[in-house]
Amino acid sequence: MTTYPPPPPGSATISGHTLLFHIEQSPSKSGRLICATAEFPIGHDEDGILQTVTVLIHYYYDSNEAMPIEGVCYYISSKLTTIHTSTDLPEGMEHSMLDFQVDVFVLSRMEGKQCPKPPVITVCGTSSSNNEKQWCFNLDLMQFFRDGDLSSSYLFTFAENSKFCKTIPLPQPNSLTYVTAIITGSSTLNTKTKMPQILADIIDITFPGTKRKAVGGSPIKGRKSANTNWLADNEIKIIGESSTMPSTPKSLGK
């Protein structure tokens, strides 16, 4: 499984699904270079209008990988080349902090009506002791949004000398635009005996929706989208109200 390290303080990573509008390819020493233009929704502004960013993506792939197709939805995460915003960036954030990369796994073609769910973070790690006592892992998560920030804490248990994996929801789904996730944590025995901090990797921050009727506005110039229903309040179900947790995208399980 591919893992992604936590973004450093002051940076931001956006991940999710988006449509590739235009694709060009050219030979390179390491394989082939794809240059693609894609529009990515980042949330509503104060007037309720869905805002988007337009990204120019460079991606190297070898001949064994599937070639992306125009007009098809792809999973996007990390490594930016060029970005155009249709709304102001948060104070202190620069374009270089928004990070994109094409993952060539095709999720679905654009059709039907998308019902997005709040993003999730999946945290994985390995405990280092050799006995079978139960330990607690305390996860402190700080999230920064366009319209504010939010801190939260999660506690879960795992056996020593074992791997663990925990998926947690990110709150405020409607206001989620730009995310900086700073994760810290420490593990202790249930008796509260202190133990050095163990490593925890963020695997993914993702919007687990895959379908959308149309992309509004101008994807090339990054204008405001006219489609205000895509992230409508009544379409979003908060994780925890359902017994079903969104699964990690298949593209991360390769």
C-alpha atoms as a PDB file:
ATOM      1  CA  MET A   1       0.000   0.000   0.000  1.00  0.00           C
ATOM      2  CA  THR A   2       1.287   3.437  -0.920  1.00  0.00           C
ATOM      3  CA  THR A   3       1.450   5.823   2.019  1.00  0.00           C
ATOM      4  CA  TYR A   4       1.743   9.593   2.001  1.00  0.00           C
ATOM      5  CA  PRO A   5       3.563  11.483   4.780  1.00  0.00           C
ATOM      6  CA  PRO A   6       1.685  14.189   6.690  1.00  0.00           C
ATOM      7  CA  PRO A   7       1.943  17.617   5.050  1.00  0.00           C
ATOM      8  CA  PRO A   8       4.332  19.880   6.972  1.00  0.00           C
ATOM      9  CA  PRO A   9       2.901  22.788   8.987  1.00  0.00           C
ATOM     10  CA  GLY A  10       1.955  25.651   6.717  1.00  0.00           C
ATOM     11  CA  SER A  11       1.347  23.506   3.654  1.00  0.00           C
ATOM     12  CA  ALA A  12      -1.841  22.058   2.241  1.00  0.00           C
ATOM     13  CA  THR A  13      -2.811  19.005   0.272  1.00  0.00           C
ATOM     14  CA  ILE A  14      -6.061  18.669  -1.625  1.00  0.00           C
ATOM     15  CA  SER A  15      -7.171  15.245  -2.771  1.00  0.00           C
ATOM     16  CA  GLY A  16     -10.296  14.040  -4.456  1.00  0.00           C
ATOM     17  CA  HIS A  17     -11.926  13.300  -7.772  1.00  0.00           C
ATOM     18  CA  THR A  18     -11.920  15.583 -10.764  1.00  0.00           C
ATOM     19  CA  LEU A  19     -12.428  15.636 -14.508  1.00  0.00           C
ATOM     20  CA  LEU A  20      -9.527  15.838 -16.958  1.00  0.00           C
ATOM     21  CA  PHE A  21     -10.511  18.302 -19.674  1.00  0.00           C
ATOM     22  CA  HIS A  22      -7.491  18.218 -21.941  1.00  0.00           C
ATOM     23  CA  ILE A  23      -4.611  15.752 -22.216  1.00  0.00           C
ATOM     24  CA  GLU A  24      -1.375  15.936 -24.189  1.00  0.00           C
ATOM     25  CA  GLN A  25       1.521  13.504 -24.055  1.00  0.00           C
ATOM     26  CA  SER A  26       5.133  13.563 -25.160  1.00  0.00           C
ATOM     27  CA  PRO A  27       8.059  11.110 -24.886  1.00  0.00           C
ATOM     28  CA  SER A  28      10.558  11.514 -22.054  1.00  0.00           C
ATOM     29  CA  LYS A  29      13.569   9.642 -20.742  1.00  0.00           C
ATOM     30  CA  SER A  30      11.561   8.062 -17.924  1.00  0.00           C
ATOM     31  CA  GLY A  31       8.542   7.120 -20.014  1.00  0.00           C
ATOM     32  CA  ARG A  32       5.844   9.492 -21.204  1.00  0.00           C
ATOM     33  CA  LEU A  33       4.808  12.874 -19.896  1.00  0.00           C
ATOM     34  CA  ILE A  34       1.134  13.740 -19.584  1.00  0.00           C
ATOM     35  CA  CYS A  35       0.063  17.360 -19.487  1.00  0.00           C
ATOM     36  CA  ALA A  36      -3.586  17.656 -18.439  1.00  0.00           C
ATOM     37  CA  THR A  37      -6.011  20.414 -17.457  1.00  0.00           C
ATOM     38  CA  ALA A  38      -8.508  19.601 -14.702  1.00  0.00           C
ATOM     39  CA  GLU A  39     -11.057  21.514 -12.629  1.00  0.00           C
ATOM     40  CA  PHE A  40     -11.321  20.809  -8.913  1.00  0.00           C
ATOM     41  CA  PRO A  41     -14.163  21.994  -6.611  1.00  0.00           C
ATOM     42  CA  ILE A  42     -12.980  23.614  -3.379  1.00  0.00           C
ATOM     43  CA  GLY A  43     -16.237  24.596  -1.676  1.00  0.00           C
ATOM     44  CA  HIS A  44     -18.784  27.393  -1.460  1.00  0.00           C
ATOM     45  CA  ASP A  45     -18.148  31.088  -1.022  1.00  0.00           C
ATOM     46  CA  GLU A  46     -20.196  33.386   1.224  1.00  0.00           C
ATOM     47  CA  ASP A  47     -22.929  33.604  -1.434  1.00  0.00           C
ATOM     48  CA  GLY A  48     -23.233  29.837  -1.701  1.00  0.00           C
ATOM     49  CA  ILE A  49     -21.547  29.663  -5.109  1.00  0.00           C
ATOM     50  CA  LEU A  50     -19.366  26.619  -5.673  1.00  0.00           C
ATOM     51  CA  GLN A  51     -15.765  27.717  -6.177  1.00  0.00           C
ATOM     52  CA  THR A  52     -13.225  25.775  -8.205  1.00  0.00           C
ATOM     53  CA  VAL A  53      -9.544  25.689  -9.030  1.00  0.00           C
ATOM     54  CA  THR A  54      -8.176  24.792 -12.425  1.00  0.00           C
ATOM     55  CA  VAL A  55      -4.979  22.765 -12.398  1.00  0.00           C
ATOM     56  CA  LEU A  56      -2.400  22.078 -15.079  1.00  0.00           C
ATOM     57  CA  ILE A  57      -0.963  18.671 -14.172  1.00  0.00           C
ATOM     58  CA  HIS A  58       2.302  17.080 -15.276  1.00  0.00           C
ATOM     59  CA  TYR A  59       2.530  13.349 -14.699  1.00  0.00           C
ATOM     60  CA  TYR A  60       5.187  10.825 -15.801  1.00  0.00           C
ATOM     61  CA  TYR A  61       3.985   7.311 -16.502  1.00  0.00           C
ATOM     62  CA  ASP A  62       5.599   4.244 -18.029  1.00  0.00           C
ATOM     63  CA  SER A  63       4.302   2.138 -20.889  1.00  0.00           C
ATOM     64  CA  ASN A  64       2.773  -0.395 -18.472  1.00  0.00           C
ATOM     65  CA  GLU A  65       0.343   2.148 -17.030  1.00  0.00           C
ATOM     66  CA  ALA A  66      -3.042   2.937 -18.501  1.00  0.00           C
ATOM     67  CA  MET A  67      -3.230   6.178 -20.433  1.00  0.00           C
ATOM     68  CA  PRO A  68      -5.690   8.692 -18.935  1.00  0.00           C
ATOM     69  CA  ILE A  69      -8.679   9.601 -21.079  1.00  0.00           C
ATOM     70  CA  GLU A  70     -10.201  13.024 -21.618  1.00  0.00           C
ATOM     71  CA  GLY A  71     -13.611  13.534 -20.069  1.00  0.00           C
ATOM     72  CA  VAL A  72     -13.149  10.793 -17.473  1.00  0.00           C
ATOM     73  CA  CYS A  73     -13.039  11.219 -13.712  1.00  0.00           C
ATOM     74  CA  TYR A  74      -9.705  10.513 -12.021  1.00  0.00           C
ATOM     75  CA  TYR A  75      -8.443  10.453  -8.471  1.00  0.00           C
ATOM     76  CA  ILE A  76      -6.168  13.441  -7.805  1.00  0.00           C
ATOM     77  CA  SER A  77      -3.604  13.925  -5.049  1.00  0.00           C
ATOM     78  CA  SER A  78      -0.312  15.765  -4.535  1.00  0.00           C
ATOM     79  CA  LYS A  79       2.278  17.487  -6.780  1.00  0.00           C
ATOM     80  CA  LEU A  80       1.183  20.746  -8.348  1.00  0.00           C
ATOM     81  CA  THR A  81       2.448  22.350 -11.524  1.00  0.00           C
ATOM     82  CA  THR A  82       0.147  25.303 -12.256  1.00  0.00           C
ATOM     83  CA  ILE A  83      -3.065  26.383 -10.588  1.00  0.00           C
ATOM     84  CA  HIS A  84      -5.729  29.050 -11.178  1.00  0.00           C
ATOM     85  CA  THR A  85      -8.180  29.898  -8.400  1.00  0.00           C
ATOM     86  CA  SER A  86     -11.722  31.203  -8.736  1.00  0.00           C
ATOM     87  CA  THR A  87     -11.739  32.533  -5.171  1.00  0.00           C
ATOM     88  CA  ASP A  88      -9.195  34.152  -2.863  1.00  0.00           C
ATOM     89  CA  LEU A  89      -6.722  31.863  -1.134  1.00  0.00           C
ATOM     90  CA  PRO A  90      -6.680  31.854   2.684  1.00  0.00           C
ATOM     91  CA  GLU A  91      -4.369  34.396   4.279  1.00  0.00           C
ATOM     92  CA  GLY A  92      -0.774  33.193   4.256  1.00  0.00           C
ATOM     93  CA  MET A  93      -1.384  30.465   1.678  1.00  0.00           C
ATOM     94  CA  GLU A  94       0.463  30.468  -1.630  1.00  0.00           C
ATOM     95  CA  HIS A  95      -0.296  28.637  -4.860  1.00  0.00           C
ATOM     96  CA  SER A  96       2.692  26.369  -4.320  1.00  0.00           C
ATOM     97  CA  MET A  97       1.031  24.990  -1.176  1.00  0.00           C
ATOM     98  CA  LEU A  98      -1.769  23.364  -3.179  1.00  0.00           C
ATOM     99  CA  ASP A  99      -0.514  19.984  -4.228  1.00  0.00           C
ATOM    100  CA  PHE A 100      -1.861  17.762  -7.032  1.00  0.00           C
ATOM    101  CA  GLN A 101      -0.876  14.671  -8.991  1.00  0.00           C
ATOM    102  CA  VAL A 102      -2.730  12.381 -11.356  1.00  0.00           C
ATOM    103  CA  ASP A 103      -3.352   8.855 -10.170  1.00  0.00           C
ATOM    104  CA  VAL A 104      -4.227   7.062 -13.403  1.00  0.00           C
ATOM    105  CA  PHE A 105      -6.763   4.754 -11.784  1.00  0.00           C
ATOM    106  CA  VAL A 106     -10.114   5.610 -13.418  1.00  0.00           C
ATOM    107  CA  LEU A 107     -12.962   5.909 -10.936  1.00  0.00           C
ATOM    108  CA  SER A 108     -15.912   6.600 -13.215  1.00  0.00           C
ATOM    109  CA  ARG A 109     -17.085   8.621 -16.155  1.00  0.00           C
ATOM    110  CA  MET A 110     -18.952  11.840 -15.406  1.00  0.00           C
ATOM    111  CA  GLU A 111     -22.634  10.969 -15.313  1.00  0.00           C
ATOM    112  CA  GLY A 112     -25.576  11.149 -12.951  1.00  0.00           C
ATOM    113  CA  LYS A 113     -25.751  13.241  -9.818  1.00  0.00           C
ATOM    114  CA  GLN A 114     -22.917  13.284  -7.330  1.00  0.00           C
ATOM    115  CA  CYS A 115     -23.670  12.922  -3.631  1.00  0.00           C
ATOM    116  CA  PRO A 116     -20.429  13.809  -1.864  1.00  0.00           C
ATOM    117  CA  LYS A 117     -19.549  12.668   1.634  1.00  0.00           C
ATOM    118  CA  PRO A 118     -17.287  14.390   4.127  1.00  0.00           C
ATOM    119  CA  PRO A 119     -13.596  13.600   3.621  1.00  0.00           C
ATOM    120  CA  VAL A 120     -11.809  11.133   5.854  1.00  0.00           C
ATOM    121  CA  ILE A 121      -8.257  10.644   7.059  1.00  0.00           C
ATOM    122  CA  THR A 122      -6.894   7.141   7.449  1.00  0.00           C
ATOM    123  CA  VAL A 123      -4.013   6.852   9.914  1.00  0.00           C
ATOM    124  CA  CYS A 124      -1.783   3.782   9.925  1.00  0.00           C
ATOM    125  CA  GLY A 125       1.194   2.863  12.068  1.00  0.00           C
ATOM    126  CA  THR A 126       3.079   0.071  13.789  1.00  0.00           C
ATOM    127  CA  SER A 127       3.661  -0.372  17.498  1.00  0.00           C
ATOM    128  CA  SER A 128       7.196  -1.261  18.531  1.00  0.00           C
ATOM    129  CA  SER A 129       6.890  -3.379  21.689  1.00  0.00           C
ATOM    130  CA  ASN A 130       7.056  -7.182  21.796  1.00  0.00           C
ATOM    131  CA  ASN A 131       4.418  -8.140  24.345  1.00  0.00           C
ATOM    132  CA  GLU A 132       0.672  -8.330  23.836  1.00  0.00           C
ATOM    133  CA  LYS A 133      -0.567  -5.651  26.209  1.00  0.00           C
ATOM    134  CA  GLN A 134      -3.128  -3.182  24.940  1.00  0.00           C
ATOM    135  CA  TRP A 135      -1.976   0.325  24.168  1.00  0.00           C
ATOM    136  CA  CYS A 136      -3.891   3.529  23.472  1.00  0.00           C
ATOM    137  CA  PHE A 137      -3.025   5.885  20.668  1.00  0.00           C
ATOM    138  CA  ASN A 138      -4.097   9.496  21.028  1.00  0.00           C
ATOM    139  CA  LEU A 139      -4.418  11.334  17.727  1.00  0.00           C
ATOM    140  CA  ASP A 140      -4.516  15.129  17.790  1.00  0.00           C
ATOM    141  CA  LEU A 141      -5.677  16.643  14.535  1.00  0.00           C
ATOM    142  CA  MET A 142      -5.633  20.329  13.591  1.00  0.00           C
ATOM    143  CA  GLN A 143      -7.457  21.294  10.410  1.00  0.00           C
ATOM    144  CA  PHE A 144      -7.269  24.669   8.687  1.00  0.00           C
ATOM    145  CA  PHE A 145     -10.084  25.760   6.390  1.00  0.00           C
ATOM    146  CA  ARG A 146     -10.701  28.804   4.268  1.00  0.00           C
ATOM    147  CA  ASP A 147     -13.188  30.045   6.860  1.00  0.00           C
ATOM    148  CA  GLY A 148     -11.433  29.021  10.051  1.00  0.00           C
ATOM    149  CA  ASP A 149      -9.702  26.161  11.821  1.00  0.00           C
ATOM    150  CA  LEU A 150     -10.732  23.233  13.960  1.00  0.00           C
ATOM    151  CA  SER A 151      -8.921  20.971  16.405  1.00  0.00           C
ATOM    152  CA  SER A 152     -10.043  17.505  17.410  1.00  0.00           C
ATOM    153  CA  SER A 153      -8.698  14.504  19.276  1.00  0.00           C
ATOM    154  CA  TYR A 154      -9.291  10.787  18.800  1.00  0.00           C
ATOM    155  CA  LEU A 155      -8.379   7.862  21.032  1.00  0.00           C
ATOM    156  CA  PHE A 156      -8.233   4.233  19.949  1.00  0.00           C
ATOM    157  CA  THR A 157      -6.490   1.066  21.098  1.00  0.00           C
ATOM    158  CA  PHE A 158      -4.241  -1.457  19.418  1.00  0.00           C
ATOM    159  CA  ALA A 159      -2.140  -4.443  20.419  1.00  0.00           C
ATOM    160  CA  GLU A 160       1.601  -4.096  20.880  1.00  0.00           C
ATOM    161  CA  ASN A 161       3.869  -5.347  18.121  1.00  0.00           C
ATOM    162  CA  SER A 162       1.062  -4.979  15.612  1.00  0.00           C
ATOM    163  CA  LYS A 163      -0.036  -2.723  12.828  1.00  0.00           C
ATOM    164  CA  PHE A 164      -3.059  -0.509  13.281  1.00  0.00           C
ATOM    165  CA  CYS A 165      -5.279   1.475  10.975  1.00  0.00           C
ATOM    166  CA  LYS A 166      -7.954   3.997  11.875  1.00  0.00           C
ATOM    167  CA  THR A 167     -10.262   5.983   9.620  1.00  0.00           C
ATOM    168  CA  ILE A 168     -11.752   9.148  11.056  1.00  0.00           C
ATOM    169  CA  PRO A 169     -14.108  11.718   9.537  1.00  0.00           C
ATOM    170  CA  LEU A 170     -13.168  15.316   8.880  1.00  0.00           C
ATOM    171  CA  PRO A 171     -15.882  17.623  10.252  1.00  0.00           C
ATOM    172  CA  GLN A 172     -17.392  20.662   8.559  1.00  0.00           C
ATOM    173  CA  PRO A 173     -17.932  19.062   5.146  1.00  0.00           C
ATOM    174  CA  ASN A 174     -19.556  22.124   3.589  1.00  0.00           C
ATOM    175  CA  SER A 175     -16.799  24.503   4.609  1.00  0.00           C
ATOM    176  CA  LEU A 176     -13.981  22.156   3.647  1.00  0.00           C
ATOM    177  CA  THR A 177     -11.961  23.948   1.006  1.00  0.00           C
ATOM    178  CA  TYR A 178      -8.239  24.090   1.639  1.00  0.00           C
ATOM    179  CA  VAL A 179      -7.021  21.637   4.253  1.00  0.00           C
ATOM    180  CA  THR A 180      -3.814  21.637   6.235  1.00  0.00           C
ATOM    181  CA  ALA A 181      -3.785  18.615   8.525  1.00  0.00           C
ATOM    182  CA  ILE A 182      -1.200  18.625  11.305  1.00  0.00           C
ATOM    183  CA  ILE A 183      -1.233  15.284  13.077  1.00  0.00           C
ATOM    184  CA  THR A 184       0.549  14.557  16.323  1.00  0.00           C
ATOM    185  CA  GLY A 185       0.094  11.589  18.587  1.00  0.00           C
ATOM    186  CA  SER A 186       1.467   9.555  21.454  1.00  0.00           C
ATOM    187  CA  SER A 187       0.781   6.029  22.617  1.00  0.00           C
ATOM    188  CA  THR A 188       0.539   4.903  26.218  1.00  0.00           C
ATOM    189  CA  LEU A 189      -0.379   1.777  28.118  1.00  0.00           C
ATOM    190  CA  ASN A 190      -3.926   1.718  29.391  1.00  0.00           C
ATOM    191  CA  THR A 191      -2.338   2.285  32.798  1.00  0.00           C
ATOM    192  CA  LYS A 192      -1.167   5.671  31.411  1.00  0.00           C
ATOM    193  CA  THR A 193       2.485   4.647  31.402  1.00  0.00           C
ATOM    194  CA  LYS A 194       4.291   7.005  29.036  1.00  0.00           C
ATOM    195  CA  MET A 195       5.833   5.739  25.827  1.00  0.00           C
ATOM    196  CA  PRO A 196       7.762   7.556  23.102  1.00  0.00           C
ATOM    197  CA  GLN A 197       5.705   8.893  20.223  1.00  0.00           C
ATOM    198  CA  ILE A 198       5.064   6.394  17.448  1.00  0.00           C
ATOM    199  CA  LEU A 199       4.880   7.238  13.772  1.00  0.00           C
ATOM    200  CA  ALA A 200       1.525   7.733  12.078  1.00  0.00           C
ATOM    201  CA  ASP A 201       1.155   8.301   8.350  1.00  0.00           C
ATOM    202  CA  ILE A 202      -1.705  10.070   6.619  1.00  0.00           C
ATOM    203  CA  ILE A 203      -2.727   7.812   3.769  1.00  0.00           C
ATOM    204  CA  ASP A 204      -5.429   9.971   2.310  1.00  0.00           C
ATOM    205  CA  ILE A 205      -7.639  13.017   2.525  1.00  0.00           C
ATOM    206  CA  THR A 206     -10.359  12.452  -0.009  1.00  0.00           C
ATOM    207  CA  PHE A 207     -13.821  13.347  -1.225  1.00  0.00           C
ATOM    208  CA  PRO A 208     -15.378   9.892  -1.816  1.00  0.00           C
ATOM    209  CA  GLY A 209     -17.873  11.061  -4.468  1.00  0.00           C
ATOM    210  CA  THR A 210     -17.450  10.039  -8.085  1.00  0.00           C
ATOM    211  CA  LYS A 211     -20.288  11.410 -10.208  1.00  0.00           C
ATOM    212  CA  ARG A 212     -21.327  14.855 -11.328  1.00  0.00           C
ATOM    213  CA  LYS A 213     -23.767  16.138 -13.937  1.00  0.00           C
ATOM    214  CA  ALA A 214     -21.564  18.810 -15.449  1.00  0.00           C
ATOM    215  CA  VAL A 215     -18.704  21.133 -14.651  1.00  0.00           C
ATOM    216  CA  GLY A 216     -19.945  24.719 -14.623  1.00  0.00           C
ATOM    217  CA  GLY A 217     -18.099  27.896 -15.488  1.00  0.00           C
ATOM    218  CA  SER A 218     -14.910  28.029 -17.498  1.00  0.00           C
ATOM    219  CA  PRO A 219     -12.442  25.275 -16.559  1.00  0.00           C
ATOM    220  CA  ILE A 220      -9.587  26.930 -18.406  1.00  0.00           C
ATOM    221  CA  LYS A 221      -9.920  30.384 -16.830  1.00  0.00           C
ATOM    222  CA  GLY A 222     -11.024  29.093 -13.445  1.00  0.00           C
ATOM    223  CA  ARG A 223     -14.205  31.150 -13.223  1.00  0.00           C
ATOM    224  CA  LYS A 224     -16.936  30.547 -10.685  1.00  0.00           C
ATOM    225  CA  SER A 225     -18.974  27.448 -11.272  1.00  0.00           C
ATOM    226  CA  ALA A 226     -22.693  27.863 -11.886  1.00  0.00           C
ATOM    227  CA  ASN A 227     -23.429  24.435 -10.399  1.00  0.00           C
ATOM    228  CA  THR A 228     -24.418  25.174  -6.791  1.00  0.00           C
ATOM    229  CA  ASN A 229     -26.106  21.844  -6.080  1.00  0.00           C
ATOM    230  CA  TRP A 230     -22.992  19.690  -6.090  1.00  0.00           C
ATOM    231  CA  LEU A 231     -22.197  20.341  -2.411  1.00  0.00           C
ATOM    232  CA  ALA A 232     -25.719  21.219  -1.289  1.00  0.00           C
ATOM    233  CA  ASP A 233     -26.454  20.809   2.414  1.00  0.00           C
ATOM    234  CA  ASN A 234     -29.205  18.270   1.869  1.00  0.00           C
ATOM    235  CA  GLU A 235     -26.934  15.989  -0.155  1.00  0.00           C
ATOM    236  CA  ILE A 236     -24.337  15.529   2.567  1.00  0.00           C
ATOM    237  CA  LYS A 237     -24.604  12.846   5.216  1.00  0.00           C
ATOM    238  CA  ILE A 238     -22.307  13.253   8.174  1.00  0.00           C
ATOM    239  CA  ILE A 239     -20.152  10.241   8.927  1.00  0.00           C
ATOM    240  CA  GLY A 240     -21.322   8.760  12.198  1.00  0.00           C
ATOM    241  CA  GLU A 241     -24.994   9.005  11.279  1.00  0.00           C
ATOM    242  CA  SER A 242     -24.474   5.936   9.142  1.00  0.00           C
ATOM    243  CA  SER A 243     -22.887   2.609  10.006  1.00  0.00           C
ATOM    244  CA  THR A 244     -21.009   2.675   6.695  1.00  0.00           C
ATOM    245  CA  MET A 245     -17.603   4.328   6.577  1.00  0.00           C
ATOM    246  CA  PRO A 246     -16.205   5.465   3.207  1.00  0.00           C
ATOM    247  CA  SER A 247     -13.480   3.111   2.101  1.00  0.00           C
ATOM    248  CA  THR A 248      -9.999   4.116   1.071  1.00  0.00           C
ATOM    249  CA  PRO A 249      -9.881   4.729  -2.705  1.00  0.00           C
ATOM    250  CA  LYS A 250      -8.828   1.639  -4.636  1.00  0.00           C
ATOM    251  CA  SER A 251      -6.022   3.610  -6.238  1.00  0.00           C
ATOM    252  CA  LEU A 252      -4.235   3.747  -2.875  1.00  0.00           C
ATOM    253  CA  GLY A 253      -4.324   0.016  -2.404  1.00  0.00           C
ATOM    254  CA  LYS A 254      -2.101  -0.792  -5.335  1.00  0.00           C
END
